[in-house]
C-alpha atoms as a PDB file:
ATOM      1  CA  MET A   1      21.621  21.985  25.608  1.00  0.00           C
ATOM      2  CA  LYS A   2      19.161  19.081  25.397  1.00  0.00           C
ATOM      3  CA  LEU A   3      16.441  21.084  23.603  1.00  0.00           C
ATOM      4  CA  PRO A   4      18.535  21.718  20.443  1.00  0.00           C
ATOM      5  CA  LEU A   5      19.387  18.016  20.260  1.00  0.00           C
ATOM      6  CA  LEU A   6      15.732  17.084  20.612  1.00  0.00           C
ATOM      7  CA  LEU A   7      14.705  19.574  17.932  1.00  0.00           C
ATOM      8  CA  THR A   8      17.418  18.302  15.600  1.00  0.00           C
ATOM      9  CA  GLY A   9      16.269  14.726  16.161  1.00  0.00           C
ATOM     10  CA  LEU A  10      12.656  15.642  15.441  1.00  0.00           C
ATOM     11  CA  ALA A  11      13.666  17.485  12.262  1.00  0.00           C
ATOM     12  CA  VAL A  12      15.626  14.473  11.021  1.00  0.00           C
ATOM     13  CA  MET A  13      12.720  12.129  11.758  1.00  0.00           C
ATOM     14  CA  ALA A  14      10.248  14.442  10.017  1.00  0.00           C
ATOM     15  CA  ALA A  15      12.439  14.672   6.924  1.00  0.00           C
ATOM     16  CA  ALA A  16      12.871  10.905   6.826  1.00  0.00           C
ATOM     17  CA  GLY A  17       9.137  10.249   7.343  1.00  0.00           C
ATOM     18  CA  PRO A  18       8.033  10.244   3.677  1.00  0.00           C
ATOM     19  CA  ALA A  19      11.042   8.165   2.615  1.00  0.00           C
ATOM     20  CA  LEU A  20      10.388   5.648   5.369  1.00  0.00           C
ATOM     21  CA  ALA A  21       6.703   5.432   4.415  1.00  0.00           C
ATOM     22  CA  ALA A  22       7.610   4.754   0.772  1.00  0.00           C
ATOM     23  CA  GLU A  23      10.151   2.145   1.845  1.00  0.00           C
ATOM     24  CA  ASP A  24       7.587   0.531   4.141  1.00  0.00           C
ATOM     25  CA  GLY A  25       5.001   0.539   1.339  1.00  0.00           C
ATOM     26  CA  ALA A  26       7.451  -1.133  -1.024  1.00  0.00           C
ATOM     27  CA  ALA A  27       8.350  -3.747   1.593  1.00  0.00           C
ATOM     28  CA  LEU A  28       4.660  -4.404   2.294  1.00  0.00           C
ATOM     29  CA  TYR A  29       3.925  -4.723  -1.440  1.00  0.00           C
ATOM     30  CA  GLN A  30       6.453  -7.557  -1.453  1.00  0.00           C
ATOM     31  CA  SER A  31       5.684  -9.197   1.895  1.00  0.00           C
ATOM     32  CA  LYS A  32       1.890  -9.133   1.481  1.00  0.00           C
ATOM     33  CA  THR A  33       2.425 -10.660  -2.001  1.00  0.00           C
ATOM     34  CA  CYS A  34       0.594  -7.879  -3.866  1.00  0.00           C
ATOM     35  CA  TRP A  35       3.127  -8.279  -6.671  1.00  0.00           C
ATOM     36  CA  SER A  36       2.134 -11.887  -7.322  1.00  0.00           C
ATOM     37  CA  CYS A  37      -1.249 -10.848  -8.777  1.00  0.00           C
ATOM     38  CA  HIS A  38      -0.742  -7.191  -9.742  1.00  0.00           C
ATOM     39  CA  GLY A  39       2.835  -7.474 -11.031  1.00  0.00           C
ATOM     40  CA  LYS A  40       6.042  -6.113  -9.548  1.00  0.00           C
ATOM     41  CA  ASP A  41       5.345  -2.835 -11.338  1.00  0.00           C
ATOM     42  CA  GLY A  42       1.623  -2.758 -10.484  1.00  0.00           C
ATOM     43  CA  LYS A  43       0.694  -2.803 -14.163  1.00  0.00           C
ATOM     44  CA  THR A  44       1.377  -6.339 -15.347  1.00  0.00           C
ATOM     45  CA  PRO A  45      -1.260  -8.438 -13.566  1.00  0.00           C
ATOM     46  CA  LEU A  46      -1.113 -12.209 -13.432  1.00  0.00           C
ATOM     47  CA  LEU A  47      -4.517 -12.552 -15.134  1.00  0.00           C
ATOM     48  CA  PRO A  48      -6.164 -10.151 -17.591  1.00  0.00           C
ATOM     49  CA  ASN A  49      -9.126  -9.537 -15.280  1.00  0.00           C
ATOM     50  CA  TYR A  50      -6.920  -8.467 -12.335  1.00  0.00           C
ATOM     51  CA  PRO A  51      -6.592  -4.668 -12.179  1.00  0.00           C
ATOM     52  CA  LYS A  52      -3.575  -2.611 -13.087  1.00  0.00           C
ATOM     53  CA  ILE A  53      -3.157  -0.623  -9.899  1.00  0.00           C
ATOM     54  CA  ALA A  54      -0.023   1.474 -10.500  1.00  0.00           C
ATOM     55  CA  GLY A  55      -0.746   5.186 -10.183  1.00  0.00           C
ATOM     56  CA  GLN A  56      -4.334   4.681  -9.060  1.00  0.00           C
ATOM     57  CA  ASN A  57      -5.898   7.330  -6.817  1.00  0.00           C
ATOM     58  CA  VAL A  58      -4.837   6.780  -3.180  1.00  0.00           C
ATOM     59  CA  GLN A  59      -8.351   7.165  -1.757  1.00  0.00           C
ATOM     60  CA  TYR A  60      -9.754   4.733  -4.308  1.00  0.00           C
ATOM     61  CA  ILE A  61      -7.107   2.132  -3.429  1.00  0.00           C
ATOM     62  CA  GLU A  62      -7.816   2.489   0.293  1.00  0.00           C
ATOM     63  CA  GLU A  63     -11.558   2.217  -0.294  1.00  0.00           C
ATOM     64  CA  GLN A  64     -11.203  -0.927  -2.383  1.00  0.00           C
ATOM     65  CA  MET A  65      -8.961  -2.591   0.202  1.00  0.00           C
ATOM     66  CA  HIS A  66     -11.366  -1.656   3.014  1.00  0.00           C
ATOM     67  CA  ASP A  67     -14.354  -2.943   1.019  1.00  0.00           C
ATOM     68  CA  ILE A  68     -12.640  -6.254   0.353  1.00  0.00           C
ATOM     69  CA  LYS A  69     -11.413  -6.556   3.952  1.00  0.00           C
ATOM     70  CA  ASN A  70     -14.935  -5.855   5.266  1.00  0.00           C
ATOM     71  CA  ASN A  71     -16.695  -8.133   2.741  1.00  0.00           C
ATOM     72  CA  VAL A  72     -18.477  -5.209   1.089  1.00  0.00           C
ATOM     73  CA  ARG A  73     -16.903  -5.978  -2.263  1.00  0.00           C
ATOM     74  CA  THR A  74     -17.317  -9.680  -2.999  1.00  0.00           C
ATOM     75  CA  ASN A  75     -17.015 -10.199  -6.760  1.00  0.00           C
ATOM     76  CA  ARG A  76     -14.765 -12.952  -8.130  1.00  0.00           C
ATOM     77  CA  SER A  77     -11.676 -10.758  -8.279  1.00  0.00           C
ATOM     78  CA  ALA A  78     -12.223  -9.557  -4.718  1.00  0.00           C
ATOM     79  CA  ALA A  79     -12.531 -13.135  -3.501  1.00  0.00           C
ATOM     80  CA  ALA A  80      -8.926 -13.769  -4.544  1.00  0.00           C
ATOM     81  CA  MET A  81      -7.779 -10.829  -2.439  1.00  0.00           C
ATOM     82  CA  ALA A  82      -9.995 -11.433   0.584  1.00  0.00           C
ATOM     83  CA  GLY A  83      -7.624 -14.035   2.032  1.00  0.00           C
ATOM     84  CA  ILE A  84      -4.748 -11.563   1.929  1.00  0.00           C
ATOM     85  CA  MET A  85      -6.689  -8.649   3.391  1.00  0.00           C
ATOM     86  CA  VAL A  86      -7.231 -10.464   6.697  1.00  0.00           C
ATOM     87  CA  ILE A  87      -3.495 -10.042   7.371  1.00  0.00           C
ATOM     88  CA  VAL A  88      -3.330  -6.362   6.332  1.00  0.00           C
ATOM     89  CA  SER A  89      -3.795  -3.788   9.099  1.00  0.00           C
ATOM     90  CA  GLU A  90      -5.347  -0.332   8.771  1.00  0.00           C
ATOM     91  CA  ASP A  91      -1.905   1.300   8.913  1.00  0.00           C
ATOM     92  CA  GLU A  92      -0.620  -1.089   6.260  1.00  0.00           C
ATOM     93  CA  ILE A  93      -3.580  -0.262   4.002  1.00  0.00           C
ATOM     94  CA  LYS A  94      -2.568   3.405   4.132  1.00  0.00           C
ATOM     95  CA  LEU A  95       1.098   2.636   3.426  1.00  0.00           C
ATOM     96  CA  LEU A  96       0.222   0.290   0.559  1.00  0.00           C
ATOM     97  CA  ALA A  97      -2.253   2.726  -0.977  1.00  0.00           C
ATOM     98  CA  ASP A  98       0.275   5.543  -0.807  1.00  0.00           C
ATOM     99  CA  TYR A  99       2.994   3.385  -2.360  1.00  0.00           C
ATOM    100  CA  VAL A 100       0.793   2.049  -5.174  1.00  0.00           C
ATOM    101  CA  SER A 101      -0.551   5.522  -5.976  1.00  0.00           C
ATOM    102  CA  LYS A 102       3.025   6.693  -6.604  1.00  0.00           C
ATOM    103  CA  MET A 103       3.962   3.798  -8.890  1.00  0.00           C
ATOM    104  CA  LYS A 104       4.392   4.792 -12.544  1.00  0.00           C
ATOM    105  CA  PRO A 105       1.231   3.865 -14.487  1.00  0.00           C
END
């Protein structure tokens, strides 16, 4: 009797996984203040030299965030983001990259 309940619970969690990840990515985009420089839609940056990130390749986004976090990328634009990246975890980088990659370019 307990096995069917467990299997049902696992199936529900698995189905909700992608939706929860997208929701978490959206919440992180707000709470980590990504929107303040890249725009709420990811394509209307605060300054012309800040990148439009909506729809960008997920691996590219992750790589750029890792490079900035690890001081590999240190140009002027990266310097603005370096202060934020110290408060972004590895799991959050993945959620953010996934969310941004699915934004409409």
